[in-house]
Amino acid sequence: MLQPVLVRAHPSGDDGLYELVVGARRYRASHLAKKSSIPARIVKLSDSEALELQIIENLHRADIHELDEAHGFQALRRQSPELYTMEVIATKIGKSPAYVAARLKLIDLTPTVQKAFYEGKLTVGHALEIARLQVPEQERAFAECFPHHNNPS
């Protein structure tokens, strides 16, 4: 393992218990490799700081879906709206505020359209265009523009 996982004292306050903050994939890989221990760095973090680290680490994964990015940004904003503005989030992830705003707009997609997007029936460009519409129009646009993909099952 090239990089240690990050842990913090468990929020319950129980001595000797730690919460994994960053490195879940490395942790699972160590179990698969039957390792009895792995390098870990203990850090002191607030709930907000731990959430930020988790989201930012996940955003650096190559295979993250655009909606998962959006939900990560939304979680940061809900945690502390005055701290996590679009500009701050953009700076932390090395993207533009417009990029963050566009991802956040994807959350406005109806569940049907979100499901189709997750299933790869829509590109991010199509999803963003549909997200600009009001809820009733989203379903209609999806049905009309993608009739061969409009299968609710």
N, C-alpha and C. Protein backbone atom coordinates (compact mmCIF):
# COMPACT_ATOMS: atom_id res chain seq x y z
N MET A 1 0.85 -1.16 0.00
CA MET A 1 0.00 0.00 0.00
C MET A 1 0.90 1.24 0.00
N LEU A 2 0.68 2.10 -0.97
CA LEU A 2 1.53 3.28 -1.12
C LEU A 2 1.10 4.43 -0.22
N GLN A 3 -0.17 4.49 0.10
CA GLN A 3 -0.68 5.62 0.88
C GLN A 3 -1.52 5.08 2.04
N PRO A 4 -1.29 5.55 3.24
CA PRO A 4 -2.07 5.05 4.37
C PRO A 4 -3.52 5.52 4.30
N VAL A 5 -4.41 4.77 4.93
CA VAL A 5 -5.79 5.22 5.07
C VAL A 5 -5.81 6.30 6.15
N LEU A 6 -6.86 7.11 6.14
CA LEU A 6 -7.03 8.12 7.18
C LEU A 6 -8.16 7.69 8.09
N VAL A 7 -7.92 7.75 9.38
CA VAL A 7 -8.94 7.43 10.37
C VAL A 7 -9.02 8.57 11.37
N ARG A 8 -10.13 8.64 12.06
CA ARG A 8 -10.28 9.60 13.15
C ARG A 8 -10.91 8.88 14.32
N ALA A 9 -10.77 9.46 15.48
CA ALA A 9 -11.40 8.88 16.66
C ALA A 9 -12.89 8.75 16.37
N HIS A 10 -13.45 7.63 16.77
CA HIS A 10 -14.86 7.38 16.48
C HIS A 10 -15.71 8.47 17.13
N PRO A 11 -16.71 8.99 16.41
CA PRO A 11 -17.55 10.06 16.97
C PRO A 11 -18.25 9.70 18.27
N SER A 12 -18.42 8.41 18.55
CA SER A 12 -19.07 8.00 19.80
C SER A 12 -18.21 8.31 21.02
N GLY A 13 -16.90 8.53 20.78
CA GLY A 13 -15.99 8.85 21.87
C GLY A 13 -15.41 7.63 22.55
N ASP A 14 -15.79 6.43 22.10
CA ASP A 14 -15.25 5.20 22.70
C ASP A 14 -13.75 5.12 22.44
N ASP A 15 -12.98 4.95 23.51
CA ASP A 15 -11.53 4.84 23.38
C ASP A 15 -11.17 3.61 22.56
N GLY A 16 -10.21 3.80 21.69
CA GLY A 16 -9.71 2.68 20.90
C GLY A 16 -10.52 2.40 19.65
N LEU A 17 -11.64 3.08 19.44
CA LEU A 17 -12.42 2.91 18.23
C LEU A 17 -12.12 4.03 17.26
N TYR A 18 -11.96 3.66 16.00
CA TYR A 18 -11.67 4.64 14.97
C TYR A 18 -12.66 4.51 13.83
N GLU A 19 -12.87 5.62 13.15
CA GLU A 19 -13.74 5.65 11.99
C GLU A 19 -12.87 5.86 10.76
N LEU A 20 -13.07 5.03 9.75
CA LEU A 20 -12.34 5.18 8.49
C LEU A 20 -12.90 6.39 7.76
N VAL A 21 -12.04 7.33 7.44
CA VAL A 21 -12.46 8.55 6.76
C VAL A 21 -12.15 8.44 5.28
N VAL A 22 -10.93 8.08 4.95
CA VAL A 22 -10.50 7.99 3.56
C VAL A 22 -9.72 6.69 3.38
N GLY A 23 -10.03 5.99 2.31
CA GLY A 23 -9.29 4.78 1.99
C GLY A 23 -10.11 3.50 2.04
N ALA A 24 -11.41 3.61 1.83
CA ALA A 24 -12.28 2.43 1.91
C ALA A 24 -11.87 1.36 0.90
N ARG A 25 -11.49 1.77 -0.29
CA ARG A 25 -11.08 0.78 -1.30
C ARG A 25 -9.77 0.09 -0.90
N ARG A 26 -8.84 0.86 -0.35
CA ARG A 26 -7.59 0.28 0.12
C ARG A 26 -7.85 -0.67 1.28
N TYR A 27 -8.77 -0.30 2.15
CA TYR A 27 -9.12 -1.14 3.30
C TYR A 27 -9.71 -2.47 2.81
N ARG A 28 -10.65 -2.40 1.86
CA ARG A 28 -11.25 -3.63 1.33
C ARG A 28 -10.21 -4.48 0.61
N ALA A 29 -9.32 -3.84 -0.12
CA ALA A 29 -8.27 -4.58 -0.82
C ALA A 29 -7.35 -5.30 0.17
N SER A 30 -7.07 -4.66 1.30
CA SER A 30 -6.22 -5.30 2.30
C SER A 30 -6.90 -6.54 2.88
N HIS A 31 -8.21 -6.49 3.02
CA HIS A 31 -8.94 -7.66 3.51
C HIS A 31 -8.88 -8.79 2.48
N LEU A 32 -9.05 -8.43 1.22
CA LEU A 32 -8.96 -9.44 0.16
C LEU A 32 -7.57 -10.08 0.12
N ALA A 33 -6.55 -9.27 0.43
CA ALA A 33 -5.17 -9.76 0.44
C ALA A 33 -4.82 -10.44 1.77
N LYS A 34 -5.81 -10.54 2.65
CA LYS A 34 -5.65 -11.20 3.96
C LYS A 34 -4.54 -10.55 4.81
N LYS A 35 -4.44 -9.23 4.72
CA LYS A 35 -3.48 -8.49 5.55
C LYS A 35 -4.05 -8.34 6.96
N SER A 36 -3.22 -8.51 7.95
CA SER A 36 -3.69 -8.36 9.32
C SER A 36 -3.66 -6.91 9.79
N SER A 37 -2.90 -6.07 9.10
CA SER A 37 -2.86 -4.65 9.44
C SER A 37 -2.52 -3.86 8.19
N ILE A 38 -2.84 -2.59 8.23
CA ILE A 38 -2.51 -1.69 7.12
C ILE A 38 -2.04 -0.37 7.71
N PRO A 39 -1.25 0.38 6.95
CA PRO A 39 -0.81 1.69 7.45
C PRO A 39 -2.01 2.64 7.55
N ALA A 40 -2.09 3.34 8.66
CA ALA A 40 -3.17 4.29 8.88
C ALA A 40 -2.61 5.54 9.54
N ARG A 41 -3.19 6.65 9.18
CA ARG A 41 -2.83 7.92 9.80
C ARG A 41 -4.04 8.41 10.59
N ILE A 42 -3.84 8.70 11.85
CA ILE A 42 -4.92 9.19 12.69
C ILE A 42 -4.93 10.71 12.60
N VAL A 43 -6.10 11.25 12.26
CA VAL A 43 -6.24 12.69 12.10
C VAL A 43 -7.41 13.18 12.95
N LYS A 44 -7.32 14.41 13.39
CA LYS A 44 -8.41 15.00 14.15
C LYS A 44 -9.25 15.82 13.17
N LEU A 45 -10.50 15.39 12.97
CA LEU A 45 -11.38 16.05 12.01
C LEU A 45 -12.78 16.22 12.58
N SER A 46 -13.39 17.33 12.23
CA SER A 46 -14.80 17.52 12.56
C SER A 46 -15.62 16.69 11.57
N ASP A 47 -16.90 16.57 11.83
CA ASP A 47 -17.78 15.85 10.89
C ASP A 47 -17.73 16.50 9.51
N SER A 48 -17.74 17.82 9.49
CA SER A 48 -17.71 18.56 8.23
C SER A 48 -16.41 18.31 7.47
N GLU A 49 -15.30 18.34 8.18
CA GLU A 49 -14.00 18.10 7.54
C GLU A 49 -13.89 16.67 7.02
N ALA A 50 -14.42 15.71 7.79
CA ALA A 50 -14.38 14.32 7.36
C ALA A 50 -15.22 14.13 6.11
N LEU A 51 -16.40 14.72 6.08
CA LEU A 51 -17.27 14.63 4.90
C LEU A 51 -16.59 15.23 3.69
N GLU A 52 -15.97 16.39 3.87
CA GLU A 52 -15.27 17.05 2.77
C GLU A 52 -14.18 16.15 2.20
N LEU A 53 -13.37 15.57 3.05
CA LEU A 53 -12.30 14.68 2.58
C LEU A 53 -12.86 13.48 1.84
N GLN A 54 -13.93 12.89 2.37
CA GLN A 54 -14.53 11.72 1.72
C GLN A 54 -15.05 12.08 0.33
N ILE A 55 -15.74 13.18 0.23
CA ILE A 55 -16.32 13.58 -1.05
C ILE A 55 -15.23 13.93 -2.05
N ILE A 56 -14.26 14.69 -1.62
CA ILE A 56 -13.20 15.09 -2.54
C ILE A 56 -12.40 13.88 -3.01
N GLU A 57 -12.14 12.93 -2.11
CA GLU A 57 -11.43 11.73 -2.55
C GLU A 57 -12.26 10.97 -3.59
N ASN A 58 -13.55 10.84 -3.35
CA ASN A 58 -14.40 10.14 -4.31
C ASN A 58 -14.48 10.86 -5.64
N LEU A 59 -14.44 12.18 -5.60
CA LEU A 59 -14.52 12.95 -6.85
C LEU A 59 -13.28 12.77 -7.72
N HIS A 60 -12.20 12.34 -7.12
CA HIS A 60 -10.97 12.12 -7.89
C HIS A 60 -10.92 10.75 -8.53
N ARG A 61 -11.91 9.91 -8.24
CA ARG A 61 -11.99 8.60 -8.89
C ARG A 61 -12.34 8.80 -10.35
N ALA A 62 -11.76 8.01 -11.20
CA ALA A 62 -12.01 8.15 -12.63
C ALA A 62 -13.40 7.66 -13.03
N ASP A 63 -13.97 6.76 -12.26
CA ASP A 63 -15.22 6.13 -12.66
C ASP A 63 -16.46 6.69 -11.96
N ILE A 64 -16.36 7.87 -11.40
CA ILE A 64 -17.50 8.42 -10.67
C ILE A 64 -18.54 8.96 -11.66
N HIS A 65 -19.78 8.66 -11.38
CA HIS A 65 -20.88 9.12 -12.24
C HIS A 65 -21.18 10.58 -11.92
N GLU A 66 -21.63 11.30 -12.93
CA GLU A 66 -21.91 12.72 -12.78
C GLU A 66 -22.95 12.99 -11.69
N LEU A 67 -23.94 12.12 -11.57
CA LEU A 67 -24.95 12.30 -10.52
C LEU A 67 -24.35 12.08 -9.13
N ASP A 68 -23.40 11.18 -9.03
CA ASP A 68 -22.73 10.99 -7.74
C ASP A 68 -21.92 12.22 -7.37
N GLU A 69 -21.30 12.83 -8.38
CA GLU A 69 -20.62 14.11 -8.13
C GLU A 69 -21.61 15.13 -7.58
N ALA A 70 -22.76 15.22 -8.25
CA ALA A 70 -23.78 16.18 -7.85
C ALA A 70 -24.22 15.95 -6.41
N HIS A 71 -24.45 14.71 -6.06
CA HIS A 71 -24.88 14.41 -4.69
C HIS A 71 -23.78 14.74 -3.67
N GLY A 72 -22.53 14.56 -4.06
CA GLY A 72 -21.42 14.94 -3.19
C GLY A 72 -21.38 16.43 -2.96
N PHE A 73 -21.53 17.20 -4.04
CA PHE A 73 -21.55 18.66 -3.91
C PHE A 73 -22.73 19.09 -3.03
N GLN A 74 -23.87 18.46 -3.26
CA GLN A 74 -25.06 18.80 -2.48
C GLN A 74 -24.85 18.50 -0.99
N ALA A 75 -24.20 17.39 -0.70
CA ALA A 75 -23.94 17.03 0.70
C ALA A 75 -23.05 18.08 1.37
N LEU A 76 -22.05 18.56 0.66
CA LEU A 76 -21.19 19.61 1.21
C LEU A 76 -21.99 20.88 1.47
N ARG A 77 -22.81 21.26 0.50
CA ARG A 77 -23.59 22.49 0.65
C ARG A 77 -24.59 22.37 1.80
N ARG A 78 -25.19 21.20 1.97
CA ARG A 78 -26.13 21.01 3.08
C ARG A 78 -25.41 21.04 4.42
N GLN A 79 -24.20 20.52 4.44
CA GLN A 79 -23.41 20.48 5.69
C GLN A 79 -23.14 21.89 6.19
N SER A 80 -22.76 22.77 5.26
CA SER A 80 -22.43 24.14 5.65
C SER A 80 -22.57 25.05 4.44
N PRO A 81 -23.79 25.53 4.16
CA PRO A 81 -24.03 26.34 2.96
C PRO A 81 -23.19 27.61 2.88
N GLU A 82 -22.93 28.23 4.04
CA GLU A 82 -22.15 29.46 4.03
C GLU A 82 -20.68 29.20 3.74
N LEU A 83 -20.21 28.01 4.08
CA LEU A 83 -18.82 27.66 3.83
C LEU A 83 -18.62 27.07 2.44
N TYR A 84 -19.51 26.17 2.04
CA TYR A 84 -19.34 25.46 0.77
C TYR A 84 -20.16 26.10 -0.34
N THR A 85 -19.68 27.26 -0.77
CA THR A 85 -20.29 27.91 -1.93
C THR A 85 -19.80 27.18 -3.18
N MET A 86 -20.43 27.46 -4.30
CA MET A 86 -19.99 26.83 -5.55
C MET A 86 -18.54 27.18 -5.86
N GLU A 87 -18.15 28.40 -5.53
CA GLU A 87 -16.78 28.84 -5.78
C GLU A 87 -15.77 28.06 -4.93
N VAL A 88 -16.12 27.86 -3.66
CA VAL A 88 -15.23 27.12 -2.76
C VAL A 88 -15.10 25.67 -3.20
N ILE A 89 -16.23 25.04 -3.51
CA ILE A 89 -16.20 23.65 -3.98
C ILE A 89 -15.38 23.55 -5.25
N ALA A 90 -15.59 24.48 -6.17
CA ALA A 90 -14.85 24.47 -7.44
C ALA A 90 -13.35 24.55 -7.19
N THR A 91 -12.94 25.41 -6.30
CA THR A 91 -11.52 25.55 -5.98
C THR A 91 -10.96 24.27 -5.40
N LYS A 92 -11.72 23.65 -4.50
CA LYS A 92 -11.25 22.43 -3.84
C LYS A 92 -11.09 21.26 -4.80
N ILE A 93 -11.91 21.22 -5.86
CA ILE A 93 -11.82 20.09 -6.80
C ILE A 93 -11.10 20.45 -8.10
N GLY A 94 -10.69 21.70 -8.22
CA GLY A 94 -9.95 22.11 -9.41
C GLY A 94 -10.82 22.24 -10.66
N LYS A 95 -12.06 22.63 -10.46
CA LYS A 95 -13.00 22.84 -11.57
C LYS A 95 -13.55 24.26 -11.48
N SER A 96 -14.36 24.63 -12.46
CA SER A 96 -14.95 25.97 -12.45
C SER A 96 -16.26 25.97 -11.67
N PRO A 97 -16.67 27.15 -11.18
CA PRO A 97 -17.98 27.23 -10.53
C PRO A 97 -19.12 26.81 -11.47
N ALA A 98 -18.97 27.08 -12.76
CA ALA A 98 -20.00 26.67 -13.73
C ALA A 98 -20.11 25.15 -13.80
N TYR A 99 -18.98 24.46 -13.67
CA TYR A 99 -18.97 23.00 -13.66
C TYR A 99 -19.77 22.50 -12.46
N VAL A 100 -19.51 23.06 -11.28
CA VAL A 100 -20.20 22.67 -10.05
C VAL A 100 -21.69 22.95 -10.18
N ALA A 101 -22.04 24.14 -10.70
CA ALA A 101 -23.45 24.50 -10.86
C ALA A 101 -24.16 23.54 -11.81
N ALA A 102 -23.48 23.16 -12.88
CA ALA A 102 -24.09 22.23 -13.84
C ALA A 102 -24.33 20.87 -13.19
N ARG A 103 -23.35 20.39 -12.43
CA ARG A 103 -23.53 19.11 -11.75
C ARG A 103 -24.69 19.19 -10.76
N LEU A 104 -24.76 20.28 -10.01
CA LEU A 104 -25.85 20.43 -9.04
C LEU A 104 -27.21 20.47 -9.73
N LYS A 105 -27.26 20.98 -10.93
CA LYS A 105 -28.53 21.03 -11.68
C LYS A 105 -29.04 19.63 -11.98
N LEU A 106 -28.15 18.65 -12.10
CA LEU A 106 -28.56 17.27 -12.38
C LEU A 106 -29.46 16.70 -11.28
N ILE A 107 -29.35 17.23 -10.08
CA ILE A 107 -30.18 16.76 -8.97
C ILE A 107 -31.65 17.07 -9.23
N ASP A 108 -31.91 18.06 -10.08
CA ASP A 108 -33.29 18.43 -10.39
C ASP A 108 -33.98 17.45 -11.34
N LEU A 109 -33.24 16.48 -11.85
CA LEU A 109 -33.85 15.49 -12.75
C LEU A 109 -34.87 14.65 -11.99
N THR A 110 -35.94 14.29 -12.67
CA THR A 110 -36.94 13.42 -12.05
C THR A 110 -36.31 12.04 -11.80
N PRO A 111 -36.87 11.27 -10.89
CA PRO A 111 -36.32 9.93 -10.63
C PRO A 111 -36.23 9.06 -11.89
N THR A 112 -37.22 9.14 -12.76
CA THR A 112 -37.21 8.34 -13.99
C THR A 112 -36.02 8.71 -14.86
N VAL A 113 -35.79 10.00 -15.02
CA VAL A 113 -34.69 10.46 -15.86
C VAL A 113 -33.36 10.18 -15.19
N GLN A 114 -33.27 10.34 -13.87
CA GLN A 114 -32.04 10.00 -13.15
C GLN A 114 -31.69 8.53 -13.36
N LYS A 115 -32.69 7.67 -13.26
CA LYS A 115 -32.46 6.24 -13.44
C LYS A 115 -31.93 5.96 -14.85
N ALA A 116 -32.54 6.58 -15.84
CA ALA A 116 -32.10 6.39 -17.23
C ALA A 116 -30.67 6.90 -17.40
N PHE A 117 -30.35 8.00 -16.76
CA PHE A 117 -29.00 8.56 -16.83
C PHE A 117 -28.00 7.61 -16.19
N TYR A 118 -28.32 7.09 -15.01
CA TYR A 118 -27.44 6.11 -14.35
C TYR A 118 -27.24 4.87 -15.21
N GLU A 119 -28.27 4.49 -15.93
CA GLU A 119 -28.20 3.29 -16.77
C GLU A 119 -27.49 3.54 -18.10
N GLY A 120 -27.06 4.77 -18.32
CA GLY A 120 -26.33 5.08 -19.55
C GLY A 120 -27.23 5.32 -20.75
N LYS A 121 -28.50 5.55 -20.52
CA LYS A 121 -29.43 5.81 -21.63
C LYS A 121 -29.35 7.25 -22.11
N LEU A 122 -28.73 8.11 -21.30
CA LEU A 122 -28.55 9.53 -21.64
C LEU A 122 -27.09 9.92 -21.44
N THR A 123 -26.62 10.85 -22.24
CA THR A 123 -25.31 11.43 -21.99
C THR A 123 -25.47 12.54 -20.96
N VAL A 124 -24.38 13.01 -20.43
CA VAL A 124 -24.44 14.11 -19.47
C VAL A 124 -25.01 15.36 -20.14
N GLY A 125 -24.69 15.57 -21.41
CA GLY A 125 -25.24 16.72 -22.13
C GLY A 125 -26.75 16.66 -22.24
N HIS A 126 -27.26 15.47 -22.58
CA HIS A 126 -28.72 15.31 -22.65
C HIS A 126 -29.35 15.51 -21.27
N ALA A 127 -28.74 14.94 -20.26
CA ALA A 127 -29.28 15.05 -18.90
C ALA A 127 -29.31 16.52 -18.47
N LEU A 128 -28.28 17.27 -18.78
CA LEU A 128 -28.25 18.69 -18.41
C LEU A 128 -29.34 19.48 -19.13
N GLU A 129 -29.56 19.16 -20.39
CA GLU A 129 -30.63 19.85 -21.14
C GLU A 129 -32.00 19.54 -20.53
N ILE A 130 -32.23 18.28 -20.20
CA ILE A 130 -33.51 17.90 -19.61
C ILE A 130 -33.67 18.51 -18.23
N ALA A 131 -32.57 18.61 -17.46
CA ALA A 131 -32.63 19.17 -16.11
C ALA A 131 -33.04 20.65 -16.12
N ARG A 132 -32.87 21.31 -17.23
CA ARG A 132 -33.26 22.73 -17.33
C ARG A 132 -34.78 22.89 -17.38
N LEU A 133 -35.48 21.80 -17.67
CA LEU A 133 -36.94 21.84 -17.81
C LEU A 133 -37.63 21.66 -16.47
N GLN A 134 -38.89 22.10 -16.40
CA GLN A 134 -39.71 21.85 -15.22
C GLN A 134 -40.03 20.35 -15.17
N VAL A 135 -40.39 19.86 -13.98
CA VAL A 135 -40.60 18.42 -13.77
C VAL A 135 -41.54 17.78 -14.81
N PRO A 136 -42.73 18.30 -15.04
CA PRO A 136 -43.61 17.62 -16.01
C PRO A 136 -43.02 17.56 -17.42
N GLU A 137 -42.31 18.61 -17.79
CA GLU A 137 -41.72 18.66 -19.12
C GLU A 137 -40.52 17.70 -19.25
N GLN A 138 -39.85 17.42 -18.13
CA GLN A 138 -38.72 16.48 -18.18
C GLN A 138 -39.18 15.10 -18.63
N GLU A 139 -40.26 14.62 -18.03
CA GLU A 139 -40.77 13.30 -18.40
C GLU A 139 -41.20 13.28 -19.86
N ARG A 140 -41.87 14.33 -20.30
CA ARG A 140 -42.34 14.40 -21.69
C ARG A 140 -41.15 14.47 -22.64
N ALA A 141 -40.16 15.29 -22.32
CA ALA A 141 -38.98 15.41 -23.20
C ALA A 141 -38.24 14.08 -23.29
N PHE A 142 -38.10 13.41 -22.17
CA PHE A 142 -37.41 12.12 -22.18
C PHE A 142 -38.18 11.12 -23.04
N ALA A 143 -39.49 11.06 -22.86
CA ALA A 143 -40.32 10.12 -23.62
C ALA A 143 -40.29 10.42 -25.12
N GLU A 144 -40.31 11.71 -25.46
CA GLU A 144 -40.33 12.08 -26.88
C GLU A 144 -38.96 11.98 -27.54
N CYS A 145 -37.93 12.36 -26.85
CA CYS A 145 -36.59 12.37 -27.44
C CYS A 145 -35.90 11.01 -27.38
N PHE A 146 -36.29 10.20 -26.42
CA PHE A 146 -35.66 8.89 -26.25
C PHE A 146 -36.72 7.79 -26.13
N PRO A 147 -37.60 7.67 -27.12
CA PRO A 147 -38.70 6.70 -26.99
C PRO A 147 -38.20 5.26 -26.86
N HIS A 148 -37.08 4.95 -27.48
CA HIS A 148 -36.54 3.59 -27.42
C HIS A 148 -35.90 3.28 -26.07
N HIS A 149 -35.71 4.30 -25.23
CA HIS A 149 -35.12 4.09 -23.90
C HIS A 149 -36.12 4.32 -22.77
N ASN A 150 -37.30 4.72 -23.11
CA ASN A 150 -38.28 5.07 -22.09
C ASN A 150 -39.02 3.83 -21.58
N ASN A 151 -38.23 2.97 -20.95
CA ASN A 151 -38.79 1.75 -20.39
C ASN A 151 -38.67 1.83 -18.88
N PRO A 152 -39.77 1.95 -18.14
CA PRO A 152 -39.70 2.14 -16.70
C PRO A 152 -39.15 0.94 -15.93
N SER A 153 -39.01 -0.20 -16.54
CA SER A 153 -38.51 -1.37 -15.79
C SER A 153 -37.02 -1.39 -15.67
